[in-house]
C-alpha atoms as a PDB file:
ATOM      1  CA  MET A   1      -1.222  49.805 -53.033  1.00  0.00           C
ATOM      2  CA  LYS A   2       2.291  49.725 -52.644  1.00  0.00           C
ATOM      3  CA  SER A   3       4.607  52.533 -52.657  1.00  0.00           C
ATOM      4  CA  GLU A   4       6.963  51.750 -55.265  1.00  0.00           C
ATOM      5  CA  PRO A   5       5.789  51.838 -58.767  1.00  0.00           C
ATOM      6  CA  HIS A   6       4.857  49.164 -61.056  1.00  0.00           C
ATOM      7  CA  THR A   7       6.512  50.010 -64.602  1.00  0.00           C
ATOM      8  CA  GLU A   8       5.602  47.208 -66.723  1.00  0.00           C
ATOM      9  CA  PRO A   9       4.003  48.532 -69.956  1.00  0.00           C
ATOM     10  CA  VAL A  10      -0.057  47.720 -70.316  1.00  0.00           C
ATOM     11  CA  LEU A  11      -2.023  47.723 -73.418  1.00  0.00           C
ATOM     12  CA  LEU A  12      -5.505  49.593 -72.865  1.00  0.00           C
ATOM     13  CA  VAL A  13      -8.249  49.209 -75.383  1.00  0.00           C
ATOM     14  CA  GLY A  14     -11.547  50.837 -75.243  1.00  0.00           C
ATOM     15  CA  SER A  15     -13.470  54.171 -75.454  1.00  0.00           C
ATOM     16  CA  ASN A  16     -15.546  54.892 -72.707  1.00  0.00           C
ATOM     17  CA  LYS A  17     -15.306  56.700 -69.226  1.00  0.00           C
ATOM     18  CA  LEU A  18     -14.559  53.263 -67.228  1.00  0.00           C
ATOM     19  CA  THR A  19     -11.504  52.571 -69.970  1.00  0.00           C
ATOM     20  CA  TYR A  20     -10.164  56.254 -69.346  1.00  0.00           C
ATOM     21  CA  SER A  21     -10.476  55.821 -65.500  1.00  0.00           C
ATOM     22  CA  ILE A  22      -8.627  52.234 -65.793  1.00  0.00           C
ATOM     23  CA  ALA A  23      -5.666  54.096 -67.459  1.00  0.00           C
ATOM     24  CA  LEU A  24      -5.353  56.572 -64.487  1.00  0.00           C
ATOM     25  CA  CYS A  25      -5.249  53.549 -62.094  1.00  0.00           C
ATOM     26  CA  LEU A  26      -2.883  51.990 -64.026  1.00  0.00           C
ATOM     27  CA  GLN A  27      -0.848  55.192 -64.252  1.00  0.00           C
ATOM     28  CA  LYS A  28      -0.993  55.630 -60.335  1.00  0.00           C
ATOM     29  CA  ALA A  29       0.580  52.320 -60.124  1.00  0.00           C
ATOM     30  CA  GLY A  30       3.198  53.312 -62.633  1.00  0.00           C
ATOM     31  CA  HIS A  31       2.523  51.630 -65.451  1.00  0.00           C
ATOM     32  CA  ALA A  32       3.454  52.864 -68.901  1.00  0.00           C
ATOM     33  CA  VAL A  33      -0.043  52.949 -70.451  1.00  0.00           C
ATOM     34  CA  VAL A  34      -0.649  52.819 -74.020  1.00  0.00           C
ATOM     35  CA  LEU A  35      -4.347  53.404 -74.731  1.00  0.00           C
ATOM     36  CA  VAL A  36      -5.856  52.702 -77.976  1.00  0.00           C
ATOM     37  CA  THR A  37      -8.935  54.535 -78.448  1.00  0.00           C
ATOM     38  CA  PRO A  38     -10.690  56.398 -81.260  1.00  0.00           C
ATOM     39  CA  ASP A  39     -11.611  59.203 -78.789  1.00  0.00           C
ATOM     40  CA  ALA A  40      -8.289  60.526 -78.218  1.00  0.00           C
ATOM     41  CA  ASP A  41      -9.589  64.046 -77.014  1.00  0.00           C
ATOM     42  CA  VAL A  42     -12.441  62.487 -74.944  1.00  0.00           C
ATOM     43  CA  ALA A  43     -10.055  60.385 -73.156  1.00  0.00           C
ATOM     44  CA  LYS A  44      -7.529  63.474 -72.656  1.00  0.00           C
ATOM     45  CA  GLN A  45     -10.475  65.510 -71.375  1.00  0.00           C
ATOM     46  CA  TYR A  46     -11.206  62.909 -68.879  1.00  0.00           C
ATOM     47  CA  VAL A  47      -7.982  62.389 -67.582  1.00  0.00           C
ATOM     48  CA  THR A  48      -7.095  66.143 -67.447  1.00  0.00           C
ATOM     49  CA  PHE A  49     -10.323  66.744 -65.489  1.00  0.00           C
ATOM     50  CA  ASP A  50      -9.397  64.121 -62.728  1.00  0.00           C
ATOM     51  CA  GLU A  51      -6.141  65.499 -62.440  1.00  0.00           C
ATOM     52  CA  ALA A  52      -7.771  69.021 -61.830  1.00  0.00           C
ATOM     53  CA  VAL A  53      -9.749  67.695 -59.249  1.00  0.00           C
ATOM     54  CA  ASP A  54      -6.752  65.957 -57.301  1.00  0.00           C
ATOM     55  CA  LEU A  55      -3.783  67.928 -58.385  1.00  0.00           C
ATOM     56  CA  GLU A  56      -1.600  66.936 -55.021  1.00  0.00           C
ATOM     57  CA  GLN A  57      -1.421  63.510 -56.000  1.00  0.00           C
ATOM     58  CA  SER A  58       1.366  62.795 -58.356  1.00  0.00           C
ATOM     59  CA  ILE A  59       0.989  60.149 -61.131  1.00  0.00           C
ATOM     60  CA  PRO A  60       4.288  58.354 -61.389  1.00  0.00           C
ATOM     61  CA  GLY A  61       3.546  56.212 -64.741  1.00  0.00           C
ATOM     62  CA  SER A  62       2.845  57.544 -68.270  1.00  0.00           C
ATOM     63  CA  LEU A  63       0.121  57.652 -70.778  1.00  0.00           C
ATOM     64  CA  ARG A  64       0.191  57.459 -74.550  1.00  0.00           C
ATOM     65  CA  ILE A  65      -3.201  57.697 -76.202  1.00  0.00           C
ATOM     66  CA  GLN A  66      -3.421  56.420 -79.725  1.00  0.00           C
ATOM     67  CA  SER A  67      -5.714  55.078 -82.573  1.00  0.00           C
ATOM     68  CA  ASP A  68      -3.924  51.928 -83.411  1.00  0.00           C
ATOM     69  CA  TYR A  69      -2.219  48.898 -82.144  1.00  0.00           C
ATOM     70  CA  ARG A  70       1.568  50.114 -83.033  1.00  0.00           C
ATOM     71  CA  PHE A  71       3.599  50.106 -80.269  1.00  0.00           C
ATOM     72  CA  GLU A  72       7.247  49.421 -79.459  1.00  0.00           C
ATOM     73  CA  GLY A  73       8.751  46.842 -76.957  1.00  0.00           C
ATOM     74  CA  LEU A  74       6.877  44.125 -75.026  1.00  0.00           C
ATOM     75  CA  ILE A  75       3.342  44.420 -73.257  1.00  0.00           C
ATOM     76  CA  SER A  76       3.051  42.713 -70.128  1.00  0.00           C
ATOM     77  CA  LYS A  77      -0.672  42.873 -69.689  1.00  0.00           C
ATOM     78  CA  VAL A  78      -3.656  43.617 -72.435  1.00  0.00           C
ATOM     79  CA  ILE A  79      -6.646  45.039 -70.741  1.00  0.00           C
ATOM     80  CA  VAL A  80     -10.072  45.327 -72.983  1.00  0.00           C
ATOM     81  CA  VAL A  81     -13.295  47.150 -72.197  1.00  0.00           C
ATOM     82  CA  THR A  82     -15.827  46.813 -75.076  1.00  0.00           C
ATOM     83  CA  GLU A  83     -19.573  46.970 -75.597  1.00  0.00           C
ATOM     84  CA  GLU A  84     -21.214  43.798 -74.367  1.00  0.00           C
ATOM     85  CA  ASN A  85     -21.365  42.098 -77.819  1.00  0.00           C
ATOM     86  CA  LEU A  86     -20.072  38.891 -78.504  1.00  0.00           C
ATOM     87  CA  ALA A  87     -19.068  39.818 -82.367  1.00  0.00           C
ATOM     88  CA  VAL A  88     -17.236  43.168 -81.071  1.00  0.00           C
ATOM     89  CA  LYS A  89     -15.176  41.148 -78.495  1.00  0.00           C
ATOM     90  CA  LYS A  90     -14.172  38.327 -80.836  1.00  0.00           C
ATOM     91  CA  ARG A  91     -13.013  41.128 -83.534  1.00  0.00           C
ATOM     92  CA  VAL A  92     -11.146  42.921 -80.793  1.00  0.00           C
ATOM     93  CA  LEU A  93      -9.478  39.673 -79.384  1.00  0.00           C
ATOM     94  CA  ALA A  94      -8.654  38.632 -82.906  1.00  0.00           C
ATOM     95  CA  GLU A  95      -6.702  41.775 -83.805  1.00  0.00           C
ATOM     96  CA  LEU A  96      -4.828  41.544 -80.527  1.00  0.00           C
ATOM     97  CA  GLU A  97      -3.762  37.889 -80.929  1.00  0.00           C
ATOM     98  CA  ASN A  98      -2.464  38.866 -84.467  1.00  0.00           C
ATOM     99  CA  ILE A  99       0.194  41.442 -82.656  1.00  0.00           C
ATOM    100  CA  ILE A 100       0.461  40.013 -78.718  1.00  0.00           C
ATOM    101  CA  PRO A 101       2.782  37.331 -77.953  1.00  0.00           C
ATOM    102  CA  GLY A 102       1.081  33.949 -76.775  1.00  0.00           C
ATOM    103  CA  GLU A 103       2.445  34.310 -73.161  1.00  0.00           C
ATOM    104  CA  THR A 104       0.896  37.512 -72.431  1.00  0.00           C
ATOM    105  CA  LEU A 105      -2.113  37.716 -70.830  1.00  0.00           C
ATOM    106  CA  ILE A 106      -5.463  39.498 -71.964  1.00  0.00           C
ATOM    107  CA  ALA A 107      -8.083  40.594 -69.704  1.00  0.00           C
ATOM    108  CA  ILE A 108     -11.451  41.404 -71.273  1.00  0.00           C
ATOM    109  CA  ASN A 109     -14.673  42.596 -69.527  1.00  0.00           C
ATOM    110  CA  THR A 110     -17.774  40.214 -70.119  1.00  0.00           C
ATOM    111  CA  GLU A 111     -20.766  40.609 -67.904  1.00  0.00           C
ATOM    112  CA  SER A 112     -23.255  38.106 -69.769  1.00  0.00           C
ATOM    113  CA  ILE A 113     -21.043  36.560 -72.400  1.00  0.00           C
ATOM    114  CA  PRO A 114     -19.580  33.198 -71.338  1.00  0.00           C
ATOM    115  CA  LEU A 115     -15.722  33.253 -71.193  1.00  0.00           C
ATOM    116  CA  SER A 116     -15.801  30.061 -73.194  1.00  0.00           C
ATOM    117  CA  ASP A 117     -17.141  31.646 -76.075  1.00  0.00           C
ATOM    118  CA  LEU A 118     -14.624  34.255 -76.163  1.00  0.00           C
ATOM    119  CA  GLN A 119     -11.823  31.765 -75.994  1.00  0.00           C
ATOM    120  CA  GLN A 120     -13.551  29.719 -78.647  1.00  0.00           C
ATOM    121  CA  GLY A 121     -11.427  29.609 -82.062  1.00  0.00           C
ATOM    122  CA  ALA A 122      -8.717  31.862 -80.257  1.00  0.00           C
ATOM    123  CA  ILE A 123      -4.953  30.947 -81.266  1.00  0.00           C
ATOM    124  CA  PHE A 124      -3.838  30.877 -77.354  1.00  0.00           C
ATOM    125  CA  PRO A 125      -7.497  30.773 -75.405  1.00  0.00           C
ATOM    126  CA  GLU A 126      -5.415  29.895 -72.040  1.00  0.00           C
ATOM    127  CA  ARG A 127      -4.514  33.343 -71.613  1.00  0.00           C
ATOM    128  CA  ILE A 128      -7.822  34.861 -72.061  1.00  0.00           C
ATOM    129  CA  MET A 129      -9.752  35.514 -68.760  1.00  0.00           C
ATOM    130  CA  GLY A 130     -12.545  37.798 -67.899  1.00  0.00           C
ATOM    131  CA  ALA A 131     -11.967  41.361 -65.678  1.00  0.00           C
ATOM    132  CA  ASN A 132     -14.837  43.596 -64.851  1.00  0.00           C
ATOM    133  CA  TRP A 133     -14.402  46.615 -63.223  1.00  0.00           C
ATOM    134  CA  VAL A 134     -16.318  49.567 -61.454  1.00  0.00           C
ATOM    135  CA  GLU A 135     -16.059  53.305 -62.816  1.00  0.00           C
ATOM    136  CA  PRO A 136     -13.970  55.447 -61.527  1.00  0.00           C
ATOM    137  CA  ALA A 137     -11.560  52.322 -61.442  1.00  0.00           C
ATOM    138  CA  HIS A 138      -8.894  54.530 -60.044  1.00  0.00           C
ATOM    139  CA  THR A 139     -10.830  55.067 -56.696  1.00  0.00           C
ATOM    140  CA  THR A 140     -12.931  52.042 -56.180  1.00  0.00           C
ATOM    141  CA  PHE A 141     -11.592  48.527 -54.797  1.00  0.00           C
ATOM    142  CA  PHE A 142     -13.599  46.414 -57.167  1.00  0.00           C
ATOM    143  CA  LEU A 143     -12.390  43.838 -59.598  1.00  0.00           C
ATOM    144  CA  GLU A 144     -13.833  40.814 -60.658  1.00  0.00           C
ATOM    145  CA  ILE A 145     -11.585  38.375 -62.479  1.00  0.00           C
ATOM    146  CA  ILE A 146     -13.271  35.535 -64.180  1.00  0.00           C
ATOM    147  CA  ALA A 147     -11.280  32.055 -64.972  1.00  0.00           C
ATOM    148  CA  ASN A 148     -12.330  28.636 -66.039  1.00  0.00           C
ATOM    149  CA  GLU A 149     -10.496  25.186 -66.764  1.00  0.00           C
ATOM    150  CA  ILE A 150      -9.060  26.651 -69.806  1.00  0.00           C
ATOM    151  CA  THR A 151      -7.440  30.034 -68.559  1.00  0.00           C
ATOM    152  CA  ARG A 152      -3.421  29.383 -67.463  1.00  0.00           C
ATOM    153  CA  LYS A 153      -3.634  29.571 -63.538  1.00  0.00           C
ATOM    154  CA  SER A 154      -0.032  31.249 -63.597  1.00  0.00           C
ATOM    155  CA  LEU A 155      -1.614  34.262 -65.552  1.00  0.00           C
ATOM    156  CA  VAL A 156      -4.577  34.440 -63.284  1.00  0.00           C
ATOM    157  CA  ASP A 157      -2.665  34.496 -60.002  1.00  0.00           C
ATOM    158  CA  ASN A 158      -0.332  37.166 -61.845  1.00  0.00           C
ATOM    159  CA  LEU A 159      -3.274  39.591 -62.391  1.00  0.00           C
ATOM    160  CA  TYR A 160      -4.587  38.834 -58.997  1.00  0.00           C
ATOM    161  CA  GLN A 161      -1.477  39.824 -57.214  1.00  0.00           C
ATOM    162  CA  THR A 162      -0.644  42.777 -59.353  1.00  0.00           C
ATOM    163  CA  ALA A 163      -4.257  44.299 -58.852  1.00  0.00           C
ATOM    164  CA  ALA A 164      -4.098  43.702 -55.009  1.00  0.00           C
ATOM    165  CA  CYS A 165      -0.581  44.776 -54.626  1.00  0.00           C
ATOM    166  CA  TYR A 166      -0.293  47.719 -57.052  1.00  0.00           C
ATOM    167  CA  TRP A 167      -3.733  48.847 -58.083  1.00  0.00           C
ATOM    168  CA  GLY A 168      -5.277  49.232 -54.848  1.00  0.00           C
ATOM    169  CA  LYS A 169      -7.892  46.629 -55.606  1.00  0.00           C
ATOM    170  CA  ASP A 170      -9.315  44.099 -53.378  1.00  0.00           C
ATOM    171  CA  PRO A 171     -10.060  41.403 -56.037  1.00  0.00           C
ATOM    172  CA  TYR A 172     -11.760  38.086 -56.327  1.00  0.00           C
ATOM    173  CA  VAL A 173     -11.638  35.319 -58.857  1.00  0.00           C
ATOM    174  CA  ILE A 174     -14.696  33.460 -60.010  1.00  0.00           C
ATOM    175  CA  LYS A 175     -14.011  29.905 -61.274  1.00  0.00           C
ATOM    176  CA  GLY A 176     -16.554  29.461 -64.041  1.00  0.00           C
ATOM    177  CA  ASP A 177     -17.648  30.961 -67.164  1.00  0.00           C
ATOM    178  CA  SER A 178     -19.236  34.115 -65.905  1.00  0.00           C
ATOM    179  CA  GLY A 179     -19.149  36.504 -63.151  1.00  0.00           C
ATOM    180  CA  ILE A 180     -21.270  37.150 -60.227  1.00  0.00           C
ATOM    181  CA  ARG A 181     -21.501  41.090 -59.807  1.00  0.00           C
ATOM    182  CA  MET A 182     -24.181  41.648 -62.590  1.00  0.00           C
ATOM    183  CA  ARG A 183     -25.781  38.735 -61.467  1.00  0.00           C
ATOM    184  CA  LEU A 184     -26.737  40.104 -58.045  1.00  0.00           C
ATOM    185  CA  PHE A 185     -27.345  43.400 -59.484  1.00  0.00           C
ATOM    186  CA  ALA A 186     -29.763  42.210 -62.077  1.00  0.00           C
ATOM    187  CA  ALA A 187     -31.656  40.102 -59.547  1.00  0.00           C
ATOM    188  CA  MET A 188     -31.992  43.228 -57.463  1.00  0.00           C
ATOM    189  CA  LEU A 189     -33.111  45.184 -60.764  1.00  0.00           C
ATOM    190  CA  ARG A 190     -35.773  42.651 -61.477  1.00  0.00           C
ATOM    191  CA  GLU A 191     -37.232  43.266 -58.122  1.00  0.00           C
ATOM    192  CA  ALA A 192     -36.967  47.012 -58.255  1.00  0.00           C
ATOM    193  CA  PHE A 193     -38.713  46.990 -61.714  1.00  0.00           C
ATOM    194  CA  TYR A 194     -41.492  44.664 -60.275  1.00  0.00           C
ATOM    195  CA  LEU A 195     -42.253  46.968 -57.561  1.00  0.00           C
ATOM    196  CA  VAL A 196     -42.587  50.130 -59.583  1.00  0.00           C
ATOM    197  CA  GLU A 197     -44.505  48.259 -62.635  1.00  0.00           C
ATOM    198  CA  ASN A 198     -47.075  47.050 -59.919  1.00  0.00           C
ATOM    199  CA  ASP A 199     -47.424  50.211 -58.165  1.00  0.00           C
ATOM    200  CA  TYR A 200     -45.800  49.223 -54.812  1.00  0.00           C
ATOM    201  CA  ALA A 201     -43.069  51.985 -55.192  1.00  0.00           C
ATOM    202  CA  LYS A 202     -42.155  54.917 -57.158  1.00  0.00           C
ATOM    203  CA  VAL A 203     -38.645  55.103 -58.746  1.00  0.00           C
ATOM    204  CA  GLU A 204     -37.525  57.547 -56.069  1.00  0.00           C
ATOM    205  CA  ASP A 205     -38.709  55.140 -53.333  1.00  0.00           C
ATOM    206  CA  ILE A 206     -36.468  52.367 -54.452  1.00  0.00           C
ATOM    207  CA  ASP A 207     -33.465  54.484 -54.780  1.00  0.00           C
ATOM    208  CA  ARG A 208     -34.114  55.705 -51.214  1.00  0.00           C
ATOM    209  CA  ALA A 209     -34.428  52.317 -49.810  1.00  0.00           C
ATOM    210  CA  CYS A 210     -31.498  51.248 -51.493  1.00  0.00           C
ATOM    211  CA  ARG A 211     -29.246  53.945 -50.575  1.00  0.00           C
ATOM    212  CA  ASN A 212     -30.428  54.721 -46.988  1.00  0.00           C
ATOM    213  CA  ASP A 213     -30.590  50.849 -45.934  1.00  0.00           C
ATOM    214  CA  ALA A 214     -28.161  48.703 -47.717  1.00  0.00           C
ATOM    215  CA  GLY A 215     -26.067  51.471 -49.180  1.00  0.00           C
ATOM    216  CA  TYR A 216     -25.469  52.480 -45.665  1.00  0.00           C
ATOM    217  CA  TYR A 217     -23.910  49.325 -44.612  1.00  0.00           C
ATOM    218  CA  LEU A 218     -22.441  47.783 -47.778  1.00  0.00           C
ATOM    219  CA  PRO A 219     -19.319  49.535 -47.753  1.00  0.00           C
ATOM    220  CA  PHE A 220     -18.413  48.443 -44.238  1.00  0.00           C
ATOM    221  CA  ALA A 221     -19.622  44.576 -44.565  1.00  0.00           C
ATOM    222  CA  GLY A 222     -21.443  43.323 -47.769  1.00  0.00           C
ATOM    223  CA  ASN A 223     -24.823  41.752 -47.471  1.00  0.00           C
ATOM    224  CA  LEU A 224     -23.742  38.273 -46.317  1.00  0.00           C
ATOM    225  CA  ARG A 225     -21.338  39.311 -43.312  1.00  0.00           C
ATOM    226  CA  TYR A 226     -24.058  42.011 -42.485  1.00  0.00           C
ATOM    227  CA  MET A 227     -26.496  39.167 -41.904  1.00  0.00           C
ATOM    228  CA  ASP A 228     -24.132  37.553 -39.448  1.00  0.00           C
ATOM    229  CA  LEU A 229     -23.615  40.803 -37.928  1.00  0.00           C
ATOM    230  CA  MET A 230     -27.308  41.590 -37.245  1.00  0.00           C
ATOM    231  CA  GLY A 231     -28.232  37.843 -36.643  1.00  0.00           C
ATOM    232  CA  THR A 232     -29.132  35.344 -39.440  1.00  0.00           C
ATOM    233  CA  TYR A 233     -32.228  33.988 -37.628  1.00  0.00           C
ATOM    234  CA  ALA A 234     -34.612  36.995 -38.367  1.00  0.00           C
ATOM    235  CA  TYR A 235     -33.259  37.245 -42.158  1.00  0.00           C
ATOM    236  CA  GLY A 236     -34.163  33.216 -42.425  1.00  0.00           C
ATOM    237  CA  MET A 237     -37.859  33.978 -40.999  1.00  0.00           C
ATOM    238  CA  VAL A 238     -38.440  37.151 -43.524  1.00  0.00           C
ATOM    239  CA  MET A 239     -36.904  35.046 -46.339  1.00  0.00           C
ATOM    240  CA  LYS A 240     -39.371  32.015 -45.835  1.00  0.00           C
ATOM    241  CA  ASP A 241     -42.228  34.425 -46.101  1.00  0.00           C
ATOM    242  CA  LEU A 242     -40.983  36.808 -48.778  1.00  0.00           C
ATOM    243  CA  ASN A 243     -39.364  34.395 -51.229  1.00  0.00           C
ATOM    244  CA  PRO A 244     -42.182  33.003 -52.982  1.00  0.00           C
ATOM    245  CA  GLU A 245     -43.195  36.595 -53.460  1.00  0.00           C
ATOM    246  CA  LEU A 246     -40.330  37.914 -55.567  1.00  0.00           C
ATOM    247  CA  ALA A 247     -40.533  38.727 -58.987  1.00  0.00           C
ATOM    248  CA  SER A 248     -39.189  35.885 -61.540  1.00  0.00           C
ATOM    249  CA  ASP A 249     -39.798  38.114 -64.780  1.00  0.00           C
ATOM    250  CA  GLN A 250     -37.689  36.443 -67.723  1.00  0.00           C
ATOM    251  CA  ARG A 251     -37.733  40.119 -69.472  1.00  0.00           C
ATOM    252  CA  ALA A 252     -37.219  43.599 -68.487  1.00  0.00           C
ATOM    253  CA  PRO A 253     -40.712  45.492 -68.413  1.00  0.00           C
ATOM    254  CA  GLU A 254     -42.036  46.987 -71.548  1.00  0.00           C
ATOM    255  CA  SER A 255     -41.499  50.475 -70.075  1.00  0.00           C
ATOM    256  CA  PHE A 256     -37.769  50.075 -69.145  1.00  0.00           C
ATOM    257  CA  GLN A 257     -37.597  48.631 -73.090  1.00  0.00           C
ATOM    258  CA  LYS A 258     -39.692  51.611 -74.359  1.00  0.00           C
ATOM    259  CA  LEU A 259     -37.198  53.572 -72.549  1.00  0.00           C
ATOM    260  CA  LEU A 260     -34.356  52.130 -74.601  1.00  0.00           C
ATOM    261  CA  GLN A 261     -36.015  52.211 -77.752  1.00  0.00           C
ATOM    262  CA  ASN A 262     -36.731  56.059 -77.762  1.00  0.00           C
ATOM    263  CA  GLY A 263     -33.093  56.713 -77.119  1.00  0.00           C
ATOM    264  CA  HIS A 264     -33.666  57.835 -73.237  1.00  0.00           C
ATOM    265  CA  PHE A 265     -30.201  56.363 -72.140  1.00  0.00           C
ATOM    266  CA  GLY A 266     -29.868  58.286 -68.735  1.00  0.00           C
ATOM    267  CA  MET A 267     -27.831  61.316 -68.031  1.00  0.00           C
ATOM    268  CA  GLU A 268     -25.770  61.435 -71.755  1.00  0.00           C
ATOM    269  CA  THR A 269     -29.317  61.833 -73.341  1.00  0.00           C
ATOM    270  CA  ASN A 270     -30.841  63.767 -70.387  1.00  0.00           C
ATOM    271  CA  SER A 271     -33.724  61.606 -69.981  1.00  0.00           C
ATOM    272  CA  GLY A 272     -33.565  57.977 -68.470  1.00  0.00           C
ATOM    273  CA  LEU A 273     -35.462  56.626 -65.368  1.00  0.00           C
ATOM    274  CA  TYR A 274     -35.444  60.431 -64.040  1.00  0.00           C
ATOM    275  CA  GLU A 275     -35.211  63.690 -66.130  1.00  0.00           C
ATOM    276  CA  TYR A 276     -32.347  65.848 -66.406  1.00  0.00           C
ATOM    277  CA  GLN A 277     -31.552  69.516 -67.369  1.00  0.00           C
ATOM    278  CA  PRO A 278     -28.826  70.293 -70.080  1.00  0.00           C
ATOM    279  CA  GLY A 279     -25.690  70.576 -67.925  1.00  0.00           C
ATOM    280  CA  GLU A 280     -26.569  68.362 -65.197  1.00  0.00           C
ATOM    281  CA  ASN A 281     -24.534  65.058 -66.533  1.00  0.00           C
ATOM    282  CA  GLU A 282     -21.322  67.245 -65.820  1.00  0.00           C
ATOM    283  CA  LYS A 283     -22.578  68.421 -62.469  1.00  0.00           C
ATOM    284  CA  TRP A 284     -23.235  64.762 -61.419  1.00  0.00           C
ATOM    285  CA  ALA A 285     -19.989  63.596 -62.917  1.00  0.00           C
ATOM    286  CA  ALA A 286     -17.931  65.832 -60.572  1.00  0.00           C
ATOM    287  CA  LEU A 287     -19.964  65.077 -57.652  1.00  0.00           C
ATOM    288  CA  MET A 288     -19.251  61.220 -58.339  1.00  0.00           C
ATOM    289  CA  ASN A 289     -15.645  62.031 -58.371  1.00  0.00           C
ATOM    290  CA  ARG A 290     -15.739  63.761 -55.111  1.00  0.00           C
ATOM    291  CA  PHE A 291     -17.828  61.122 -53.609  1.00  0.00           C
ATOM    292  CA  SER A 292     -15.814  58.065 -54.822  1.00  0.00           C
ATOM    293  CA  LYS A 293     -12.578  59.581 -53.254  1.00  0.00           C
ATOM    294  CA  GLN A 294     -14.246  60.310 -50.129  1.00  0.00           C
ATOM    295  CA  ILE A 295     -16.164  56.760 -49.884  1.00  0.00           C
ATOM    296  CA  SER A 296     -12.679  55.509 -51.101  1.00  0.00           C
ATOM    297  CA  SER A 297     -10.875  56.735 -47.738  1.00  0.00           C
ATOM    298  CA  LEU A 298     -13.564  55.665 -45.683  1.00  0.00           C
ATOM    299  CA  ILE A 299     -13.737  52.409 -46.821  1.00  0.00           C
ATOM    300  CA  ASP A 300      -9.836  52.136 -46.692  1.00  0.00           C
ATOM    301  CA  LYS A 301     -10.194  52.305 -42.752  1.00  0.00           C
ATOM    302  CA  TYR A 302     -12.416  49.191 -42.421  1.00  0.00           C
ATOM    303  CA  PRO A 303     -10.500  46.346 -44.394  1.00  0.00           C
ATOM    304  CA  PHE A 304     -12.773  43.498 -45.671  1.00  0.00           C
ATOM    305  CA  ASN A 305     -10.398  40.608 -44.024  1.00  0.00           C
ATOM    306  CA  TYR A 306     -10.955  41.087 -40.424  1.00  0.00           C
ATOM    307  CA  LYS A 307      -9.534  37.939 -39.855  1.00  0.00           C
ATOM    308  CA  THR A 308      -5.916  39.043 -40.532  1.00  0.00           C
ATOM    309  CA  ALA A 309      -6.190  42.995 -40.270  1.00  0.00           C
ATOM    310  CA  GLY A 310      -7.351  45.198 -37.431  1.00  0.00           C
ATOM    311  CA  ALA A 311      -9.951  47.938 -38.053  1.00  0.00           C
ATOM    312  CA  ASP A 312      -7.318  50.327 -37.984  1.00  0.00           C
ATOM    313  CA  GLN A 313      -5.067  48.884 -40.776  1.00  0.00           C
ATOM    314  CA  LYS A 314      -5.159  49.700 -44.345  1.00  0.00           C
ATOM    315  CA  LEU A 315      -7.020  47.471 -47.070  1.00  0.00           C
ATOM    316  CA  SER A 316      -3.830  47.808 -48.986  1.00  0.00           C
ATOM    317  CA  SER A 317      -2.123  45.887 -46.294  1.00  0.00           C
ATOM    318  CA  VAL A 318      -4.303  42.917 -46.360  1.00  0.00           C
ATOM    319  CA  HIS A 319      -5.453  40.250 -48.873  1.00  0.00           C
ATOM    320  CA  SER A 320      -8.918  39.272 -49.959  1.00  0.00           C
ATOM    321  CA  GLU A 321     -10.413  36.290 -48.600  1.00  0.00           C
ATOM    322  CA  ASN A 322     -11.301  34.876 -51.891  1.00  0.00           C
ATOM    323  CA  LYS A 323      -8.185  33.328 -53.546  1.00  0.00           C
ATOM    324  CA  LEU A 324      -7.776  31.380 -56.524  1.00  0.00           C
END
């Protein structure tokens, strides 16, 4: 991230932890952030908690939290985070288009809904693009930008450059209707559920395999470069034998659907794929916050683009290999 602040005002819309961490990310870049959320108290609590953990880091930007879209002056960018529901996303986009000038880009999260569906019926569809983040957004490098043939290239370039130069991101742009992050994750989850449902492994075994193998090298290289590093021949032989056996289920298993139907949504309800005691949610959140800062510092020492950067260079001094 560049040292000088990026003071352009940004409108941020959403009401979850991811949204609040994006607010911190934008503040740290120097933006004047207007956060529109119905949960002002929760948002303030999140921001205060993170500042308390990392008091030595000053935040050059500003944050105004409100429940409506009233604001003064021009907005440079609009970032939206909503639930994965087409009707909800279209409603928010329609509300924003009534108040935001046509040249202002709108970046909205979308994991499974095609970008073209979100653009359909919009007043200025060319300024709408997808943007998927990872929580906590203010310490992670991930940003997935989705742009199709309708999206205006200059706006995509603007978001990409701002994210790479000011937000501490290592972004990539997907030219199409949907991103790749969730497709990769969903494929892994499908196989994990298959192994558990068919008694090959327990939930704990799956997590140990993921964390202690892939989780160990992924922050350094990613799956495909790791194959190059280790030698692709061995992986090719294994895939030849294993590919026919991999899960191809079209739906999540009944046991998982039953979890959701019974309201077992994870730590927030003290029950998900694991059981939790009251208060564990807060403890895990604090641990995750600490870990995220530590792993961010480690990844920053080993930039992704090895072609233009030595191993001792900072990630912020290089550009991603994925360019629009």
